Amino acid sequence: MQTGANVSMLMAFSAGIISFISPCVLPLIPGYLSFISGVSVDRLGEASAQSRVKVLIATILFVIGFAIIFVALGASAGLAGSWLTSYKSIMTKVAGIVVIIFALFTMDIIKIPQLYGTKRFQTNKRNFGLWGALPLGMAFGFAWTPCVGPILASIYMVAATSQNVNQATILLSIYALGLGIPFIATALFFNTALGAFKWIKKNYKVINIISGLLLLAMGVLILSGKLTAINGLLQGLGS
């Protein structure tokens, strides 16, 4: 598989970035970094070299934690798809319709009350430092929020329609990469990131529309069977 020439991979990476800047994740980033590293929020931008290394290591462990969950989700999606090979046509149509519904939800065109619940990792305000970074990241991977849920579920549906465990696992791994790189960049350049966060928060309406349009395009491509065709074409050009 020509990963670099695969439109599904590009969509997955973009979806990971969109998940990071979503209203359900972005405001929590400073708190997460503070909790997993043991460095207070007001000192994250002015920490010593030793503290910066601690924050960076904790963040990497946190990213590895949720990446493990997403990789497992990818494998499960591939297995589910391979078991239902004889229903590929039906699966593709269902996946496309579900992704389109999530797109309309993301753009606030329709309401889905069940998606407004949020699962959070219960820390009881205890600071576990580096030891807690990995399990906290895994807990984050299990979280279902009104912003991340539809985007992650859409990528999962794309992975399931691939009906290939390796491809599905790679797809969710790239989603995790799109979500994880901004986490690490924030840990490295905290003050700069805060400035960017303020701009993003002021433009959430536009971001939600762009996110919804990305999901809508993905859903239409899946529903029409064009996503697989485009992937095949691009792979042929890249070979």
Protein backbone atom coordinates (compact mmCIF):
# COMPACT_ATOMS: atom_id res chain seq x y z
CA MET A 1 0.00 0.00 0.00
CA GLN A 2 1.40 3.37 -1.00
CA THR A 3 0.75 5.13 2.28
CA GLY A 4 2.00 8.49 1.07
CA ALA A 5 -0.45 8.42 -1.87
CA ASN A 6 -3.51 7.26 0.04
CA VAL A 7 -6.33 9.77 0.49
CA SER A 8 -7.66 7.81 3.49
CA MET A 9 -4.37 8.37 5.29
CA LEU A 10 -4.50 12.09 4.61
CA MET A 11 -8.06 12.22 5.91
CA ALA A 12 -7.09 10.27 9.04
CA PHE A 13 -4.16 12.58 9.81
CA SER A 14 -6.32 15.67 9.22
CA ALA A 15 -9.02 14.20 11.46
CA GLY A 16 -6.46 13.75 14.24
CA ILE A 17 -5.45 17.41 14.04
CA ILE A 18 -9.10 18.50 13.99
CA SER A 19 -9.75 16.36 17.07
CA PHE A 20 -6.91 18.14 18.88
CA ILE A 21 -8.27 21.63 18.18
CA SER A 22 -11.88 20.67 18.94
CA PRO A 23 -13.68 22.47 21.81
CA CYS A 24 -13.70 19.22 23.78
CA VAL A 25 -9.93 18.80 23.75
CA LEU A 26 -8.08 22.09 23.23
CA PRO A 27 -9.18 23.86 26.46
CA LEU A 28 -8.05 20.83 28.47
CA ILE A 29 -4.52 20.64 27.03
CA PRO A 30 -2.76 22.85 29.65
CA GLY A 31 -4.46 20.91 32.44
CA TYR A 32 -3.47 17.55 30.96
CA LEU A 33 0.16 18.65 30.53
CA SER A 34 0.24 19.95 34.08
CA PHE A 35 -1.27 16.80 35.57
CA ILE A 36 0.87 14.28 33.72
CA SER A 37 4.13 16.20 34.32
CA GLY A 38 3.55 17.59 37.81
CA VAL A 39 4.45 21.10 36.60
CA SER A 40 1.83 23.75 37.43
CA VAL A 41 0.04 25.39 34.50
CA ASP A 42 1.42 28.85 35.32
CA ARG A 43 4.98 27.45 35.20
CA LEU A 44 4.68 25.37 32.01
CA GLY A 45 5.85 28.26 29.84
CA GLU A 46 8.68 29.30 32.17
CA ALA A 47 9.89 25.92 33.36
CA SER A 48 13.57 25.08 33.81
CA ALA A 49 15.38 22.85 31.32
CA GLN A 50 14.91 19.88 33.66
CA SER A 51 11.18 20.57 33.98
CA ARG A 52 10.83 20.98 30.21
CA VAL A 53 12.39 17.55 29.69
CA LYS A 54 9.99 16.12 32.27
CA VAL A 55 7.00 17.71 30.52
CA LEU A 56 8.19 16.41 27.14
CA ILE A 57 8.73 12.84 28.39
CA ALA A 58 5.34 12.83 30.13
CA THR A 59 3.66 14.12 26.98
CA ILE A 60 5.28 11.47 24.79
CA LEU A 61 4.14 8.76 27.22
CA PHE A 62 0.65 10.27 27.20
CA VAL A 63 0.59 10.18 23.39
CA ILE A 64 1.84 6.59 23.35
CA GLY A 65 -0.98 5.72 25.77
CA PHE A 66 -3.82 6.91 23.57
CA ALA A 67 -2.02 5.65 20.43
CA ILE A 68 -2.12 2.13 21.90
CA ILE A 69 -5.91 2.39 22.22
CA PHE A 70 -6.35 3.75 18.68
CA VAL A 71 -4.12 1.03 17.22
CA ALA A 72 -6.23 -1.58 19.02
CA LEU A 73 -9.38 0.09 17.64
CA GLY A 74 -7.88 -0.09 14.16
CA ALA A 75 -7.16 -3.79 14.51
CA SER A 76 -10.70 -4.42 15.76
CA ALA A 77 -12.14 -2.44 12.83
CA GLY A 78 -10.10 -4.48 10.36
CA LEU A 79 -11.19 -7.74 11.97
CA ALA A 80 -14.84 -6.69 11.95
CA GLY A 81 -14.56 -5.75 8.29
CA SER A 82 -12.85 -9.02 7.33
CA TRP A 83 -15.54 -11.06 9.09
CA LEU A 84 -18.24 -9.22 7.14
CA THR A 85 -16.63 -9.44 3.72
CA SER A 86 -19.79 -10.85 2.13
CA TYR A 87 -21.67 -7.73 3.31
CA LYS A 88 -19.14 -5.25 1.95
CA SER A 89 -21.69 -3.37 -0.17
CA ILE A 90 -24.08 -2.93 2.76
CA MET A 91 -21.23 -2.02 5.15
CA THR A 92 -19.98 0.65 2.77
CA LYS A 93 -23.40 2.28 2.44
CA VAL A 94 -24.04 2.16 6.20
CA ALA A 95 -20.58 3.60 6.91
CA GLY A 96 -21.13 6.41 4.42
CA ILE A 97 -24.53 7.31 5.88
CA VAL A 98 -23.19 7.27 9.46
CA VAL A 99 -20.25 9.53 8.54
CA ILE A 100 -22.59 11.97 6.79
CA ILE A 101 -24.80 12.09 9.89
CA PHE A 102 -21.73 12.80 12.03
CA ALA A 103 -20.74 15.56 9.59
CA LEU A 104 -24.14 17.25 9.96
CA PHE A 105 -23.84 16.90 13.75
CA THR A 106 -20.37 18.47 13.73
CA MET A 107 -21.70 21.44 11.76
CA ASP A 108 -24.57 21.73 14.27
CA ILE A 109 -27.15 21.12 11.55
CA ILE A 110 -28.70 18.19 13.43
CA LYS A 111 -28.76 17.31 17.13
CA ILE A 112 -27.82 13.91 18.56
CA PRO A 113 -28.39 14.10 22.35
CA GLN A 114 -26.53 10.82 22.99
CA LEU A 115 -23.31 12.40 21.73
CA TYR A 116 -23.38 15.26 24.21
CA GLY A 117 -22.22 13.08 27.09
CA THR A 118 -18.55 13.10 27.99
CA LYS A 119 -16.46 10.39 29.61
CA ARG A 120 -13.56 11.74 31.60
CA PHE A 121 -10.64 10.06 33.30
CA GLN A 122 -11.23 10.33 37.05
CA THR A 123 -8.01 11.57 38.63
CA ASN A 124 -9.41 12.59 42.04
CA LYS A 125 -7.01 15.53 41.76
CA ARG A 126 -4.07 13.25 42.51
CA ASN A 127 -0.84 13.87 40.65
CA PHE A 128 0.78 10.63 39.47
CA GLY A 129 3.53 12.38 37.50
CA LEU A 130 5.31 10.36 34.85
CA TRP A 131 3.88 7.10 36.21
CA GLY A 132 0.39 8.29 35.39
CA ALA A 133 1.11 9.65 31.90
CA LEU A 134 0.73 6.36 30.02
CA PRO A 135 -2.52 5.17 31.68
CA LEU A 136 -3.96 8.69 31.47
CA GLY A 137 -3.24 8.65 27.75
CA MET A 138 -4.99 5.28 27.45
CA ALA A 139 -7.97 6.66 29.37
CA PHE A 140 -8.05 9.63 27.01
CA GLY A 141 -8.13 7.16 24.11
CA PHE A 142 -11.30 5.63 25.55
CA ALA A 143 -12.99 9.01 26.06
CA TRP A 144 -16.09 9.78 24.02
CA THR A 145 -16.79 13.48 23.68
CA PRO A 146 -19.23 15.38 21.48
CA CYS A 147 -16.36 16.68 19.34
CA VAL A 148 -13.89 13.80 19.15
CA GLY A 149 -16.53 11.05 19.08
CA PRO A 150 -17.99 11.66 15.60
CA ILE A 151 -14.56 12.27 14.04
CA LEU A 152 -12.99 9.17 15.61
CA ALA A 153 -16.06 7.06 14.80
CA SER A 154 -15.90 8.22 11.18
CA ILE A 155 -12.27 7.14 10.85
CA TYR A 156 -13.22 3.84 12.47
CA MET A 157 -15.94 3.33 9.84
CA VAL A 158 -13.43 4.00 7.06
CA ALA A 159 -11.06 1.49 8.68
CA ALA A 160 -13.81 -1.13 8.88
CA THR A 161 -14.66 -0.79 5.19
CA SER A 162 -11.03 -1.49 4.31
CA GLN A 163 -11.65 -5.09 5.48
CA ASN A 164 -7.92 -5.45 6.10
CA VAL A 165 -6.43 -5.57 9.60
CA ASN A 166 -3.08 -4.06 8.60
CA GLN A 167 -4.62 -1.19 6.63
CA ALA A 168 -7.15 -0.45 9.37
CA THR A 169 -4.43 -0.47 12.05
CA ILE A 170 -2.26 1.89 10.00
CA LEU A 171 -5.23 4.21 9.45
CA LEU A 172 -5.96 4.56 13.18
CA SER A 173 -2.21 4.88 13.88
CA ILE A 174 -2.06 7.87 11.53
CA TYR A 175 -5.12 9.35 13.24
CA ALA A 176 -3.24 9.00 16.55
CA LEU A 177 -0.22 10.66 14.94
CA GLY A 178 -2.35 13.61 13.81
CA LEU A 179 -3.66 13.97 17.35
CA GLY A 180 -0.32 13.31 19.06
CA ILE A 181 2.04 15.62 17.16
CA PRO A 182 0.20 18.79 18.31
CA PHE A 183 0.36 17.52 21.92
CA ILE A 184 4.13 17.15 21.68
CA ALA A 185 4.49 20.49 19.87
CA THR A 186 2.51 22.17 22.66
CA ALA A 187 4.82 20.67 25.27
CA LEU A 188 7.86 21.97 23.37
CA PHE A 189 6.50 25.45 22.56
CA PHE A 190 3.93 26.08 25.27
CA ASN A 191 3.80 29.90 25.18
CA THR A 192 3.57 29.98 21.38
CA ALA A 193 0.87 27.30 21.49
CA LEU A 194 -1.21 29.33 23.95
CA GLY A 195 -1.26 32.21 21.49
CA ALA A 196 -2.44 29.86 18.75
CA PHE A 197 -5.08 28.39 21.09
CA LYS A 198 -6.61 31.85 21.60
CA TRP A 199 -6.96 32.35 17.85
CA ILE A 200 -8.49 28.88 17.42
CA LYS A 201 -11.03 29.49 20.20
CA LYS A 202 -12.19 32.69 18.50
CA ASN A 203 -12.78 30.77 15.26
CA TYR A 204 -14.46 27.59 16.52
CA LYS A 205 -17.53 28.16 14.36
CA VAL A 206 -15.44 28.18 11.20
CA ILE A 207 -13.38 25.22 12.41
CA ASN A 208 -16.54 23.18 13.09
CA ILE A 209 -17.80 23.93 9.59
CA ILE A 210 -14.47 22.90 8.04
CA SER A 211 -14.42 19.75 10.18
CA GLY A 212 -17.98 18.93 9.15
CA LEU A 213 -17.19 19.48 5.47
CA LEU A 214 -14.21 17.11 5.76
CA LEU A 215 -16.45 14.43 7.28
CA LEU A 216 -19.16 15.14 4.70
CA ALA A 217 -16.70 14.67 1.83
CA MET A 218 -15.48 11.46 3.45
CA GLY A 219 -19.04 10.17 3.88
CA VAL A 220 -20.03 10.96 0.28
CA LEU A 221 -16.88 9.26 -1.03
CA ILE A 222 -17.59 6.16 1.06
CA LEU A 223 -21.28 6.04 0.15
CA SER A 224 -20.57 6.38 -3.57
CA GLY A 225 -17.71 3.87 -3.50
CA LYS A 226 -15.33 6.52 -4.76
CA LEU A 227 -12.99 6.45 -1.73
CA THR A 228 -11.68 2.99 -2.62
CA ALA A 229 -11.48 3.94 -6.29
CA ILE A 230 -9.49 7.11 -5.54
CA ASN A 231 -7.13 5.17 -3.26
CA GLY A 232 -6.58 2.60 -6.00
CA LEU A 233 -5.93 5.30 -8.58
CA LEU A 234 -3.45 7.13 -6.38
CA GLN A 235 -1.66 3.89 -5.49
CA GLY A 236 -1.38 3.10 -9.20
CA LEU A 237 0.11 6.53 -9.91
CA GLY A 238 2.54 6.14 -7.02
CA SER A 239 3.79 2.70 -8.07
